């Protein structure tokens, strides 16, 4: 059963969910499979379909991934790239960034508690190709976003995270990912609490739109 959302509502209210993930409620594997069936309809360059999807439900593996992620979050929050430190001199954006930083910290402490962790991967050889990799990741990331949209429509929340990639090789060994496959994200998935998802504040379109030339 899916929520009664118009396409525009689904696209504009699928948010990164951290503090509102219900870490105590189990998520049926069949529901995750439904979301992935939809994800597999996303575009794939030359129809290669080189994606692979790891669905992690084992408590010990989730705990290990959570520990690694938490360590990386601590490093991230202490860096100048932390969401909480961005736009600190902009009174319009700084409060939002502080909220984002706080929710990142919360997820860093609780990632391993999420009932499902998804790790999408793409086949690309033992080393990633040099130069522009848009074609490679363009054959996976739309499918990952489709998964997030399908999850939202089914009452599930997701958070697209990538900090774990700093220790990708370690996690590949933990999960048994063969050489030649590269991870794109670590996505906690759980039922969400509350019903107040709204479009997020964004820069006005005229600030980022160019017609014909920059």
N, C-alpha and C. Protein backbone atom coordinates (compact mmCIF):
# COMPACT_ATOMS: atom_id res chain seq x y z
N UNK A 1 0.85 -1.20 0.00
CA UNK A 1 0.00 0.00 0.00
C UNK A 1 0.88 1.25 0.00
N UNK A 2 0.58 2.20 -0.87
CA UNK A 2 1.37 3.42 -0.96
C UNK A 2 0.56 4.62 -0.47
N UNK A 3 1.27 5.66 -0.09
CA UNK A 3 0.63 6.88 0.39
C UNK A 3 -0.04 7.60 -0.76
N UNK A 4 -1.05 8.39 -0.44
CA UNK A 4 -1.81 9.14 -1.45
C UNK A 4 -1.07 10.44 -1.74
N UNK A 5 -0.07 10.36 -2.61
CA UNK A 5 0.76 11.52 -2.95
C UNK A 5 0.72 11.74 -4.45
N UNK A 6 0.59 12.99 -4.89
CA UNK A 6 0.73 13.29 -6.30
C UNK A 6 2.21 13.17 -6.67
N UNK A 7 2.53 13.04 -7.96
CA UNK A 7 3.94 13.00 -8.34
C UNK A 7 4.73 14.20 -7.82
N UNK A 8 4.15 15.39 -7.91
CA UNK A 8 4.86 16.58 -7.43
C UNK A 8 5.07 16.53 -5.92
N UNK A 9 4.08 16.05 -5.18
CA UNK A 9 4.23 15.94 -3.73
C UNK A 9 5.33 14.94 -3.38
N UNK A 10 5.36 13.81 -4.09
CA UNK A 10 6.38 12.81 -3.82
C UNK A 10 7.77 13.37 -4.08
N UNK A 11 7.92 14.07 -5.20
CA UNK A 11 9.24 14.58 -5.59
C UNK A 11 9.71 15.72 -4.69
N UNK A 12 8.80 16.50 -4.15
CA UNK A 12 9.20 17.67 -3.37
C UNK A 12 9.18 17.43 -1.87
N UNK A 13 8.70 16.28 -1.43
CA UNK A 13 8.68 16.01 0.01
C UNK A 13 9.47 14.77 0.39
N UNK A 14 10.23 14.22 -0.54
CA UNK A 14 11.14 13.12 -0.19
C UNK A 14 12.40 13.75 0.36
N UNK A 15 12.52 13.74 1.65
CA UNK A 15 13.60 14.42 2.35
C UNK A 15 14.60 13.41 2.90
N UNK A 16 15.79 13.88 3.22
CA UNK A 16 16.72 13.09 4.01
C UNK A 16 16.16 12.99 5.43
N UNK A 17 15.95 11.77 5.89
CA UNK A 17 15.35 11.55 7.22
C UNK A 17 16.42 10.98 8.13
N UNK A 18 16.65 11.63 9.25
CA UNK A 18 17.63 11.14 10.22
C UNK A 18 16.95 10.92 11.58
N UNK A 19 16.68 12.01 12.29
CA UNK A 19 16.12 11.89 13.64
C UNK A 19 14.74 11.26 13.65
N UNK A 20 14.06 11.28 12.54
CA UNK A 20 12.69 10.76 12.50
C UNK A 20 12.63 9.34 11.94
N UNK A 21 13.76 8.68 11.82
CA UNK A 21 13.74 7.27 11.49
C UNK A 21 13.34 6.48 12.73
N UNK A 22 12.41 5.56 12.57
CA UNK A 22 11.97 4.72 13.69
C UNK A 22 12.90 3.51 13.75
N UNK A 23 13.89 3.56 14.62
CA UNK A 23 14.90 2.51 14.70
C UNK A 23 14.39 1.25 15.41
N UNK A 24 13.19 1.31 15.96
CA UNK A 24 12.69 0.18 16.74
C UNK A 24 11.70 -0.69 15.97
N UNK A 25 11.23 -0.23 14.84
CA UNK A 25 10.18 -0.95 14.11
C UNK A 25 10.79 -1.74 12.95
N UNK A 26 10.62 -3.04 12.91
CA UNK A 26 11.18 -3.84 11.82
C UNK A 26 10.57 -3.44 10.47
N UNK A 27 11.38 -3.57 9.42
CA UNK A 27 10.92 -3.30 8.06
C UNK A 27 10.91 -4.62 7.29
N UNK A 28 9.76 -5.04 6.77
CA UNK A 28 9.71 -6.31 6.04
C UNK A 28 10.63 -6.29 4.82
N UNK A 29 11.35 -7.37 4.62
CA UNK A 29 12.25 -7.46 3.48
C UNK A 29 11.47 -7.33 2.17
N UNK A 30 10.26 -7.84 2.13
CA UNK A 30 9.46 -7.76 0.92
C UNK A 30 9.18 -6.31 0.53
N UNK A 31 9.06 -5.43 1.53
CA UNK A 31 8.83 -4.02 1.23
C UNK A 31 10.07 -3.40 0.60
N UNK A 32 11.25 -3.76 1.09
CA UNK A 32 12.50 -3.29 0.50
C UNK A 32 12.62 -3.80 -0.93
N UNK A 33 12.25 -5.04 -1.15
CA UNK A 33 12.31 -5.61 -2.50
C UNK A 33 11.38 -4.87 -3.46
N UNK A 34 10.20 -4.47 -2.97
CA UNK A 34 9.29 -3.67 -3.80
C UNK A 34 9.97 -2.39 -4.26
N UNK A 35 10.63 -1.72 -3.33
CA UNK A 35 11.32 -0.47 -3.65
C UNK A 35 12.44 -0.71 -4.67
N UNK A 36 13.15 -1.81 -4.51
CA UNK A 36 14.25 -2.11 -5.42
C UNK A 36 13.74 -2.51 -6.80
N UNK A 37 12.60 -3.19 -6.88
CA UNK A 37 12.01 -3.50 -8.18
C UNK A 37 11.73 -2.22 -8.96
N UNK A 38 11.27 -1.20 -8.25
CA UNK A 38 11.03 0.10 -8.89
C UNK A 38 12.36 0.74 -9.28
N UNK A 39 13.35 0.64 -8.40
CA UNK A 39 14.66 1.23 -8.69
C UNK A 39 15.26 0.65 -9.97
N UNK A 40 15.02 -0.61 -10.23
CA UNK A 40 15.60 -1.27 -11.41
C UNK A 40 15.02 -0.76 -12.72
N UNK A 41 13.97 0.04 -12.66
CA UNK A 41 13.41 0.64 -13.87
C UNK A 41 14.10 1.95 -14.23
N UNK A 42 15.05 2.40 -13.45
CA UNK A 42 15.76 3.65 -13.73
C UNK A 42 16.66 3.48 -14.96
N UNK A 43 17.08 4.59 -15.57
CA UNK A 43 17.94 4.49 -16.75
C UNK A 43 19.30 3.89 -16.41
N UNK A 44 19.86 3.19 -17.39
CA UNK A 44 21.17 2.58 -17.25
C UNK A 44 21.89 2.72 -18.58
N UNK A 45 23.09 3.31 -18.56
CA UNK A 45 23.84 3.56 -19.78
C UNK A 45 24.03 2.30 -20.62
N UNK A 46 23.65 2.36 -21.91
CA UNK A 46 23.74 1.22 -22.82
C UNK A 46 22.98 0.00 -22.30
N UNK A 47 22.08 0.23 -21.37
CA UNK A 47 21.30 -0.84 -20.74
C UNK A 47 22.20 -1.91 -20.11
N UNK A 48 23.34 -1.48 -19.57
CA UNK A 48 24.27 -2.43 -18.96
C UNK A 48 23.72 -3.03 -17.68
N UNK A 49 23.00 -2.23 -16.91
CA UNK A 49 22.45 -2.69 -15.62
C UNK A 49 23.56 -3.30 -14.76
N UNK A 50 24.63 -2.55 -14.59
CA UNK A 50 25.78 -3.05 -13.83
C UNK A 50 25.66 -2.87 -12.33
N UNK A 51 24.47 -2.57 -11.88
CA UNK A 51 24.26 -2.33 -10.45
C UNK A 51 24.10 -3.62 -9.66
N UNK A 52 24.46 -3.55 -8.40
CA UNK A 52 24.22 -4.61 -7.42
C UNK A 52 23.78 -3.91 -6.13
N UNK A 53 22.93 -4.58 -5.35
CA UNK A 53 22.32 -3.95 -4.19
C UNK A 53 22.50 -4.84 -2.96
N UNK A 54 23.18 -4.32 -1.95
CA UNK A 54 23.34 -5.05 -0.70
C UNK A 54 22.33 -4.52 0.31
N UNK A 55 21.48 -5.40 0.79
CA UNK A 55 20.50 -5.07 1.84
C UNK A 55 21.00 -5.70 3.13
N UNK A 56 21.38 -4.86 4.08
CA UNK A 56 21.99 -5.33 5.32
C UNK A 56 20.97 -5.30 6.44
N UNK A 57 20.67 -6.48 6.99
CA UNK A 57 19.75 -6.58 8.12
C UNK A 57 20.39 -7.25 9.33
N UNK A 58 21.51 -7.92 9.16
CA UNK A 58 22.19 -8.61 10.25
C UNK A 58 22.60 -7.61 11.32
N UNK A 59 22.19 -7.81 12.58
CA UNK A 59 22.49 -6.83 13.63
C UNK A 59 23.98 -6.57 13.83
N UNK A 60 24.80 -7.60 13.77
CA UNK A 60 26.23 -7.41 14.00
C UNK A 60 26.87 -6.61 12.87
N UNK A 61 26.49 -6.90 11.65
CA UNK A 61 27.06 -6.15 10.52
C UNK A 61 26.59 -4.71 10.57
N UNK A 62 25.31 -4.51 10.88
CA UNK A 62 24.80 -3.13 11.00
C UNK A 62 25.54 -2.37 12.09
N UNK A 63 25.82 -3.05 13.19
CA UNK A 63 26.53 -2.39 14.29
C UNK A 63 27.94 -2.00 13.86
N UNK A 64 28.60 -2.87 13.12
CA UNK A 64 29.96 -2.56 12.65
C UNK A 64 29.94 -1.39 11.68
N UNK A 65 29.01 -1.41 10.74
CA UNK A 65 28.89 -0.29 9.82
C UNK A 65 28.57 1.00 10.57
N UNK A 66 27.72 0.89 11.59
CA UNK A 66 27.37 2.06 12.39
C UNK A 66 28.57 2.63 13.12
N UNK A 67 29.42 1.74 13.63
CA UNK A 67 30.62 2.21 14.34
C UNK A 67 31.55 2.95 13.39
N UNK A 68 31.78 2.37 12.21
CA UNK A 68 32.65 3.01 11.23
C UNK A 68 32.08 4.35 10.81
N UNK A 69 30.80 4.37 10.52
CA UNK A 69 30.16 5.61 10.10
C UNK A 69 30.24 6.66 11.20
N UNK A 70 30.03 6.26 12.44
CA UNK A 70 30.09 7.20 13.54
C UNK A 70 31.47 7.84 13.68
N UNK A 71 32.52 7.05 13.49
CA UNK A 71 33.88 7.59 13.56
C UNK A 71 34.10 8.62 12.45
N UNK A 72 33.59 8.33 11.27
CA UNK A 72 33.76 9.25 10.15
C UNK A 72 32.93 10.52 10.34
N UNK A 73 31.77 10.39 10.95
CA UNK A 73 30.95 11.56 11.24
C UNK A 73 31.67 12.48 12.22
N UNK A 74 32.30 11.91 13.23
CA UNK A 74 33.05 12.73 14.18
C UNK A 74 34.12 13.55 13.46
N UNK A 75 34.84 12.91 12.55
CA UNK A 75 35.87 13.60 11.78
C UNK A 75 35.26 14.70 10.91
N UNK A 76 34.15 14.37 10.29
CA UNK A 76 33.48 15.32 9.40
C UNK A 76 33.00 16.55 10.17
N UNK A 77 32.36 16.34 11.31
CA UNK A 77 31.83 17.46 12.07
C UNK A 77 32.92 18.36 12.62
N UNK A 78 34.13 17.80 12.79
CA UNK A 78 35.25 18.60 13.28
C UNK A 78 35.96 19.35 12.16
N UNK A 79 35.57 19.09 10.91
CA UNK A 79 36.24 19.70 9.75
C UNK A 79 35.54 20.99 9.34
N UNK A 80 36.22 21.74 8.47
CA UNK A 80 35.62 22.97 7.95
C UNK A 80 34.51 22.69 6.95
N UNK A 81 34.38 21.45 6.51
CA UNK A 81 33.35 21.09 5.54
C UNK A 81 32.04 20.67 6.21
N UNK A 82 32.03 20.67 7.52
CA UNK A 82 30.82 20.27 8.25
C UNK A 82 29.62 21.11 7.84
N UNK A 83 28.48 20.46 7.67
CA UNK A 83 27.26 21.19 7.31
C UNK A 83 26.97 22.31 8.30
N UNK A 84 27.27 22.09 9.57
CA UNK A 84 26.97 23.08 10.60
C UNK A 84 27.82 24.34 10.45
N UNK A 85 28.95 24.22 9.74
CA UNK A 85 29.85 25.38 9.59
C UNK A 85 29.68 26.11 8.28
N UNK A 86 28.94 25.50 7.35
CA UNK A 86 28.74 26.14 6.06
C UNK A 86 27.78 27.32 6.20
N UNK A 87 28.06 28.38 5.43
CA UNK A 87 27.21 29.57 5.38
C UNK A 87 27.01 30.20 6.76
N UNK A 88 28.05 30.10 7.59
CA UNK A 88 27.95 30.63 8.95
C UNK A 88 27.71 32.14 8.96
N UNK A 89 28.12 32.83 7.89
CA UNK A 89 27.96 34.29 7.84
C UNK A 89 26.69 34.70 7.10
N UNK A 90 25.84 33.74 6.78
CA UNK A 90 24.59 34.03 6.08
C UNK A 90 23.43 33.81 7.07
N UNK A 91 22.84 34.90 7.58
CA UNK A 91 21.79 34.74 8.61
C UNK A 91 20.57 34.00 8.10
N UNK A 92 20.39 33.95 6.79
CA UNK A 92 19.24 33.25 6.24
C UNK A 92 19.44 31.74 6.18
N UNK A 93 20.70 31.31 6.03
CA UNK A 93 20.97 29.89 5.85
C UNK A 93 21.63 29.23 7.07
N UNK A 94 22.30 30.01 7.89
CA UNK A 94 23.04 29.44 9.01
C UNK A 94 22.16 28.62 9.96
N UNK A 95 20.95 29.09 10.33
CA UNK A 95 20.14 28.28 11.24
C UNK A 95 19.77 26.91 10.67
N UNK A 96 19.48 26.87 9.37
CA UNK A 96 19.16 25.59 8.74
C UNK A 96 20.38 24.67 8.78
N UNK A 97 21.54 25.25 8.51
CA UNK A 97 22.76 24.44 8.50
C UNK A 97 23.06 23.88 9.89
N UNK A 98 22.74 24.64 10.92
CA UNK A 98 22.94 24.14 12.28
C UNK A 98 22.03 22.94 12.55
N UNK A 99 20.80 23.02 12.06
CA UNK A 99 19.89 21.89 12.23
C UNK A 99 20.39 20.66 11.48
N UNK A 100 20.90 20.87 10.28
CA UNK A 100 21.44 19.75 9.51
C UNK A 100 22.61 19.13 10.25
N UNK A 101 23.51 19.97 10.76
CA UNK A 101 24.66 19.46 11.51
C UNK A 101 24.24 18.63 12.70
N UNK A 102 23.21 19.09 13.41
CA UNK A 102 22.73 18.34 14.56
C UNK A 102 22.15 16.99 14.18
N UNK A 103 21.42 16.94 13.06
CA UNK A 103 20.84 15.67 12.64
C UNK A 103 21.90 14.72 12.11
N UNK A 104 22.94 15.28 11.49
CA UNK A 104 24.07 14.44 11.05
C UNK A 104 24.73 13.79 12.27
N UNK A 105 24.94 14.58 13.30
CA UNK A 105 25.55 14.04 14.52
C UNK A 105 24.68 12.94 15.12
N UNK A 106 23.38 13.14 15.12
CA UNK A 106 22.46 12.13 15.66
C UNK A 106 22.57 10.82 14.88
N UNK A 107 22.56 10.94 13.55
CA UNK A 107 22.64 9.72 12.74
C UNK A 107 23.99 9.04 12.93
N UNK A 108 25.04 9.83 13.16
CA UNK A 108 26.34 9.24 13.43
C UNK A 108 26.34 8.34 14.66
N UNK A 109 25.49 8.65 15.61
CA UNK A 109 25.38 7.85 16.83
C UNK A 109 24.44 6.65 16.66
N UNK A 110 23.55 6.71 15.66
CA UNK A 110 22.48 5.71 15.58
C UNK A 110 22.42 4.93 14.27
N UNK A 111 23.34 5.19 13.35
CA UNK A 111 23.28 4.53 12.05
C UNK A 111 23.12 3.01 12.18
N UNK A 112 23.88 2.41 13.06
CA UNK A 112 23.85 0.95 13.19
C UNK A 112 22.55 0.40 13.73
N UNK A 113 21.67 1.27 14.22
CA UNK A 113 20.38 0.82 14.75
C UNK A 113 19.29 0.75 13.68
N UNK A 114 19.54 1.33 12.52
CA UNK A 114 18.54 1.30 11.46
C UNK A 114 18.22 -0.14 11.09
N UNK A 115 16.96 -0.50 10.94
CA UNK A 115 16.62 -1.89 10.66
C UNK A 115 17.14 -2.40 9.33
N UNK A 116 17.32 -1.48 8.38
CA UNK A 116 17.85 -1.85 7.07
C UNK A 116 18.90 -0.83 6.65
N UNK A 117 20.02 -1.32 6.17
CA UNK A 117 21.04 -0.47 5.55
C UNK A 117 21.21 -0.94 4.11
N UNK A 118 21.13 -0.01 3.18
CA UNK A 118 21.27 -0.34 1.76
C UNK A 118 22.60 0.20 1.25
N UNK A 119 23.36 -0.66 0.53
CA UNK A 119 24.61 -0.24 -0.09
C UNK A 119 24.51 -0.54 -1.59
N UNK A 120 24.21 0.47 -2.41
CA UNK A 120 24.18 0.26 -3.85
C UNK A 120 25.59 0.30 -4.44
N UNK A 121 25.84 -0.59 -5.39
CA UNK A 121 27.16 -0.70 -6.01
C UNK A 121 27.04 -0.71 -7.52
N UNK A 122 28.15 -0.39 -8.20
CA UNK A 122 28.20 -0.40 -9.66
C UNK A 122 29.48 -1.10 -10.11
N UNK A 123 29.36 -1.87 -11.17
CA UNK A 123 30.52 -2.56 -11.74
C UNK A 123 31.32 -1.59 -12.58
N UNK A 124 32.62 -1.46 -12.28
CA UNK A 124 33.42 -0.45 -12.99
C UNK A 124 34.88 -0.86 -13.13
N UNK A 125 35.23 -2.11 -12.92
CA UNK A 125 36.63 -2.49 -12.97
C UNK A 125 37.29 -2.27 -11.63
N UNK A 126 38.50 -2.79 -11.47
CA UNK A 126 39.18 -2.71 -10.17
C UNK A 126 39.51 -1.28 -9.79
N UNK A 127 39.75 -0.42 -10.77
CA UNK A 127 39.98 1.00 -10.48
C UNK A 127 38.97 1.81 -11.27
N UNK A 128 38.55 2.92 -10.69
CA UNK A 128 37.59 3.78 -11.36
C UNK A 128 38.24 4.45 -12.57
N UNK A 129 37.47 4.70 -13.63
CA UNK A 129 38.04 5.32 -14.82
C UNK A 129 38.52 6.74 -14.54
N UNK A 130 39.57 7.14 -15.25
CA UNK A 130 40.09 8.50 -15.10
C UNK A 130 39.14 9.47 -15.79
N UNK A 131 39.21 10.73 -15.37
CA UNK A 131 38.41 11.76 -16.02
C UNK A 131 36.98 11.78 -15.55
N UNK A 132 36.11 12.34 -16.37
CA UNK A 132 34.71 12.53 -16.01
C UNK A 132 34.01 11.17 -15.86
N UNK A 133 33.40 10.96 -14.71
CA UNK A 133 32.73 9.69 -14.42
C UNK A 133 31.21 9.82 -14.43
N UNK A 134 30.71 10.89 -15.06
CA UNK A 134 29.26 11.13 -15.04
C UNK A 134 28.50 9.96 -15.66
N UNK A 135 29.03 9.38 -16.74
CA UNK A 135 28.34 8.28 -17.38
C UNK A 135 28.24 7.06 -16.48
N UNK A 136 29.31 6.80 -15.73
CA UNK A 136 29.32 5.65 -14.82
C UNK A 136 28.27 5.82 -13.73
N UNK A 137 28.37 6.92 -12.97
CA UNK A 137 27.47 7.10 -11.83
C UNK A 137 26.05 7.43 -12.28
N UNK A 138 25.92 7.95 -13.50
CA UNK A 138 24.59 8.20 -14.04
C UNK A 138 23.83 6.92 -14.32
N UNK A 139 24.53 5.79 -14.28
CA UNK A 139 23.89 4.49 -14.47
C UNK A 139 23.55 3.82 -13.14
N UNK A 140 23.74 4.55 -12.05
CA UNK A 140 23.38 4.00 -10.73
C UNK A 140 22.58 4.99 -9.90
N UNK A 141 23.04 6.24 -9.83
CA UNK A 141 22.44 7.18 -8.88
C UNK A 141 20.96 7.46 -9.16
N UNK A 142 20.50 7.54 -10.41
CA UNK A 142 19.05 7.69 -10.60
C UNK A 142 18.26 6.52 -10.00
N UNK A 143 18.82 5.31 -10.07
CA UNK A 143 18.14 4.16 -9.49
C UNK A 143 18.09 4.26 -7.97
N UNK A 144 19.16 4.79 -7.38
CA UNK A 144 19.18 4.96 -5.92
C UNK A 144 18.11 5.97 -5.50
N UNK A 145 17.98 7.04 -6.27
CA UNK A 145 16.96 8.04 -5.95
C UNK A 145 15.56 7.45 -6.14
N UNK A 146 15.38 6.61 -7.16
CA UNK A 146 14.09 5.94 -7.34
C UNK A 146 13.76 5.08 -6.13
N UNK A 147 14.77 4.42 -5.57
CA UNK A 147 14.56 3.64 -4.35
C UNK A 147 14.06 4.54 -3.22
N UNK A 148 14.69 5.70 -3.06
CA UNK A 148 14.28 6.61 -1.99
C UNK A 148 12.85 7.10 -2.20
N UNK A 149 12.48 7.38 -3.45
CA UNK A 149 11.12 7.82 -3.75
C UNK A 149 10.11 6.70 -3.48
N UNK A 150 10.45 5.49 -3.89
CA UNK A 150 9.56 4.35 -3.65
C UNK A 150 9.40 4.09 -2.16
N UNK A 151 10.49 4.26 -1.42
CA UNK A 151 10.42 4.09 0.03
C UNK A 151 9.51 5.14 0.66
N UNK A 152 9.65 6.38 0.27
CA UNK A 152 8.81 7.46 0.79
C UNK A 152 7.34 7.15 0.54
N UNK A 153 7.02 6.65 -0.66
CA UNK A 153 5.63 6.35 -1.01
C UNK A 153 5.06 5.23 -0.16
N UNK A 154 5.92 4.45 0.47
CA UNK A 154 5.49 3.32 1.29
C UNK A 154 5.66 3.57 2.78
N UNK A 155 5.84 4.85 3.15
CA UNK A 155 5.94 5.19 4.56
C UNK A 155 7.31 4.97 5.16
N UNK A 156 8.32 4.82 4.31
CA UNK A 156 9.68 4.61 4.79
C UNK A 156 10.51 5.87 4.58
N UNK A 157 11.42 6.13 5.51
CA UNK A 157 12.34 7.24 5.38
C UNK A 157 13.73 6.73 5.03
N UNK A 158 14.48 7.55 4.32
CA UNK A 158 15.85 7.21 3.94
C UNK A 158 16.75 8.42 4.14
N UNK A 159 18.04 8.15 4.23
CA UNK A 159 19.04 9.22 4.28
C UNK A 159 20.19 8.82 3.37
N UNK A 160 20.46 9.64 2.38
CA UNK A 160 21.54 9.37 1.44
C UNK A 160 22.85 9.81 2.09
N UNK A 161 23.71 8.89 2.43
CA UNK A 161 24.98 9.23 3.06
C UNK A 161 26.13 8.62 2.26
N UNK A 162 27.29 9.28 2.32
CA UNK A 162 28.46 8.81 1.57
C UNK A 162 29.76 8.85 2.38
N UNK A 163 29.70 9.28 3.64
CA UNK A 163 30.93 9.41 4.42
C UNK A 163 31.67 8.08 4.54
N UNK A 164 30.96 6.97 4.51
CA UNK A 164 31.61 5.66 4.66
C UNK A 164 32.60 5.36 3.54
N UNK A 165 32.47 6.09 2.42
CA UNK A 165 33.34 5.81 1.27
C UNK A 165 34.81 6.12 1.57
N UNK A 166 35.05 6.90 2.61
CA UNK A 166 36.44 7.14 3.00
C UNK A 166 37.12 5.85 3.45
N UNK A 167 36.32 4.87 3.82
CA UNK A 167 36.86 3.56 4.21
C UNK A 167 36.19 2.46 3.38
N UNK A 168 36.06 2.76 2.10
CA UNK A 168 35.34 1.86 1.20
C UNK A 168 35.96 0.47 1.16
N UNK A 169 37.29 0.39 1.10
CA UNK A 169 37.93 -0.92 1.00
C UNK A 169 37.65 -1.77 2.24
N UNK A 170 37.69 -1.15 3.40
CA UNK A 170 37.40 -1.87 4.64
C UNK A 170 35.98 -2.40 4.65
N UNK A 171 35.04 -1.57 4.18
CA UNK A 171 33.65 -1.99 4.17
C UNK A 171 33.41 -3.04 3.09
N UNK A 172 34.10 -2.92 1.97
CA UNK A 172 33.98 -3.94 0.92
C UNK A 172 34.40 -5.31 1.46
N UNK A 173 35.47 -5.33 2.25
CA UNK A 173 35.92 -6.59 2.84
C UNK A 173 34.89 -7.11 3.84
N UNK A 174 34.34 -6.23 4.65
CA UNK A 174 33.34 -6.62 5.63
C UNK A 174 32.12 -7.25 4.95
N UNK A 175 31.70 -6.67 3.81
CA UNK A 175 30.47 -7.10 3.15
C UNK A 175 30.71 -8.13 2.04
N UNK A 176 31.98 -8.45 1.79
CA UNK A 176 32.28 -9.43 0.76
C UNK A 176 32.07 -8.91 -0.65
N UNK A 177 32.18 -7.61 -0.85
CA UNK A 177 32.00 -7.03 -2.18
C UNK A 177 33.20 -7.38 -3.04
N UNK A 178 33.01 -8.00 -4.20
CA UNK A 178 34.15 -8.41 -5.01
C UNK A 178 34.86 -7.23 -5.66
N UNK A 179 36.11 -7.42 -5.99
CA UNK A 179 36.88 -6.39 -6.69
C UNK A 179 36.19 -6.06 -8.00
N UNK A 180 36.21 -4.79 -8.34
CA UNK A 180 35.56 -4.35 -9.58
C UNK A 180 34.20 -3.72 -9.36
N UNK A 181 33.67 -3.83 -8.13
CA UNK A 181 32.41 -3.17 -7.79
C UNK A 181 32.69 -2.05 -6.80
N UNK A 182 32.05 -0.91 -7.03
CA UNK A 182 32.30 0.27 -6.21
C UNK A 182 31.00 0.75 -5.57
N UNK A 183 31.10 1.13 -4.32
CA UNK A 183 29.93 1.56 -3.55
C UNK A 183 29.60 3.01 -3.86
N UNK A 184 28.31 3.32 -3.81
CA UNK A 184 27.86 4.69 -4.09
C UNK A 184 27.31 5.39 -2.87
N UNK A 185 26.77 4.64 -1.92
CA UNK A 185 26.09 5.27 -0.78
C UNK A 185 25.86 4.24 0.31
N UNK A 186 25.50 4.75 1.46
CA UNK A 186 25.04 3.93 2.59
C UNK A 186 23.72 4.56 3.03
N UNK A 187 22.63 3.83 2.85
CA UNK A 187 21.31 4.43 3.02
C UNK A 187 20.53 3.71 4.11
N UNK A 188 20.44 4.31 5.30
CA UNK A 188 19.57 3.73 6.33
C UNK A 188 18.12 3.86 5.88
N UNK A 189 17.35 2.82 6.14
CA UNK A 189 15.95 2.80 5.74
C UNK A 189 15.11 2.30 6.91
N UNK A 190 14.08 3.06 7.24
CA UNK A 190 13.21 2.70 8.36
C UNK A 190 11.87 3.40 8.19
N UNK A 191 10.87 2.93 8.89
CA UNK A 191 9.63 3.70 8.92
C UNK A 191 9.92 5.07 9.54
N UNK A 192 9.22 6.08 9.06
CA UNK A 192 9.44 7.42 9.63
C UNK A 192 8.31 7.78 10.57
N UNK A 193 8.61 8.69 11.48
CA UNK A 193 7.62 9.18 12.43
C UNK A 193 7.16 10.56 11.99
N UNK A 194 5.90 10.87 12.26
CA UNK A 194 5.37 12.19 11.91
C UNK A 194 4.91 12.26 10.47
N UNK A 195 4.18 13.32 10.15
CA UNK A 195 3.61 13.47 8.81
C UNK A 195 3.80 14.89 8.28
N UNK A 196 4.88 15.55 8.63
CA UNK A 196 5.01 16.97 8.29
C UNK A 196 6.10 17.22 7.26
N UNK A 197 6.28 16.31 6.32
CA UNK A 197 7.29 16.54 5.30
C UNK A 197 6.83 17.63 4.33
N UNK A 198 7.70 18.61 4.11
CA UNK A 198 7.38 19.75 3.25
C UNK A 198 8.53 19.98 2.28
N UNK A 199 8.29 20.72 1.22
CA UNK A 199 9.41 21.12 0.36
C UNK A 199 10.44 21.89 1.19
N UNK A 200 11.71 21.65 0.91
CA UNK A 200 12.79 22.29 1.65
C UNK A 200 13.08 23.68 1.10
N UNK A 201 13.59 24.57 1.93
CA UNK A 201 14.00 25.89 1.40
C UNK A 201 15.16 25.72 0.43
N UNK A 202 15.07 26.36 -0.70
CA UNK A 202 16.10 26.27 -1.74
C UNK A 202 16.38 27.67 -2.28
N UNK A 203 17.55 27.84 -2.86
CA UNK A 203 17.87 29.09 -3.54
C UNK A 203 16.86 29.30 -4.67
N UNK A 204 16.45 30.55 -4.92
CA UNK A 204 15.49 30.82 -6.00
C UNK A 204 16.03 30.33 -7.34
N UNK A 205 15.13 29.84 -8.18
CA UNK A 205 15.53 29.31 -9.48
C UNK A 205 16.34 30.32 -10.28
N UNK A 206 15.94 31.61 -10.22
CA UNK A 206 16.65 32.61 -11.03
C UNK A 206 18.12 32.75 -10.64
N UNK A 207 18.50 32.28 -9.43
CA UNK A 207 19.90 32.36 -9.01
C UNK A 207 20.76 31.26 -9.64
N UNK A 208 20.13 30.24 -10.18
CA UNK A 208 20.92 29.11 -10.70
C UNK A 208 20.57 28.77 -12.15
N UNK A 209 19.67 29.52 -12.76
CA UNK A 209 19.20 29.22 -14.11
C UNK A 209 19.97 30.01 -15.15
N UNK A 210 20.37 29.36 -16.23
CA UNK A 210 21.05 30.00 -17.37
C UNK A 210 20.35 29.54 -18.65
N UNK A 211 19.99 30.46 -19.50
CA UNK A 211 19.34 30.13 -20.75
C UNK A 211 20.33 30.36 -21.90
N UNK A 212 20.62 29.33 -22.63
CA UNK A 212 21.50 29.35 -23.82
C UNK A 212 22.97 29.50 -23.47
N UNK A 213 23.34 30.46 -22.63
CA UNK A 213 24.72 30.63 -22.22
C UNK A 213 24.78 30.94 -20.74
N UNK A 214 25.94 30.69 -20.11
CA UNK A 214 26.12 30.97 -18.68
C UNK A 214 25.94 32.45 -18.43
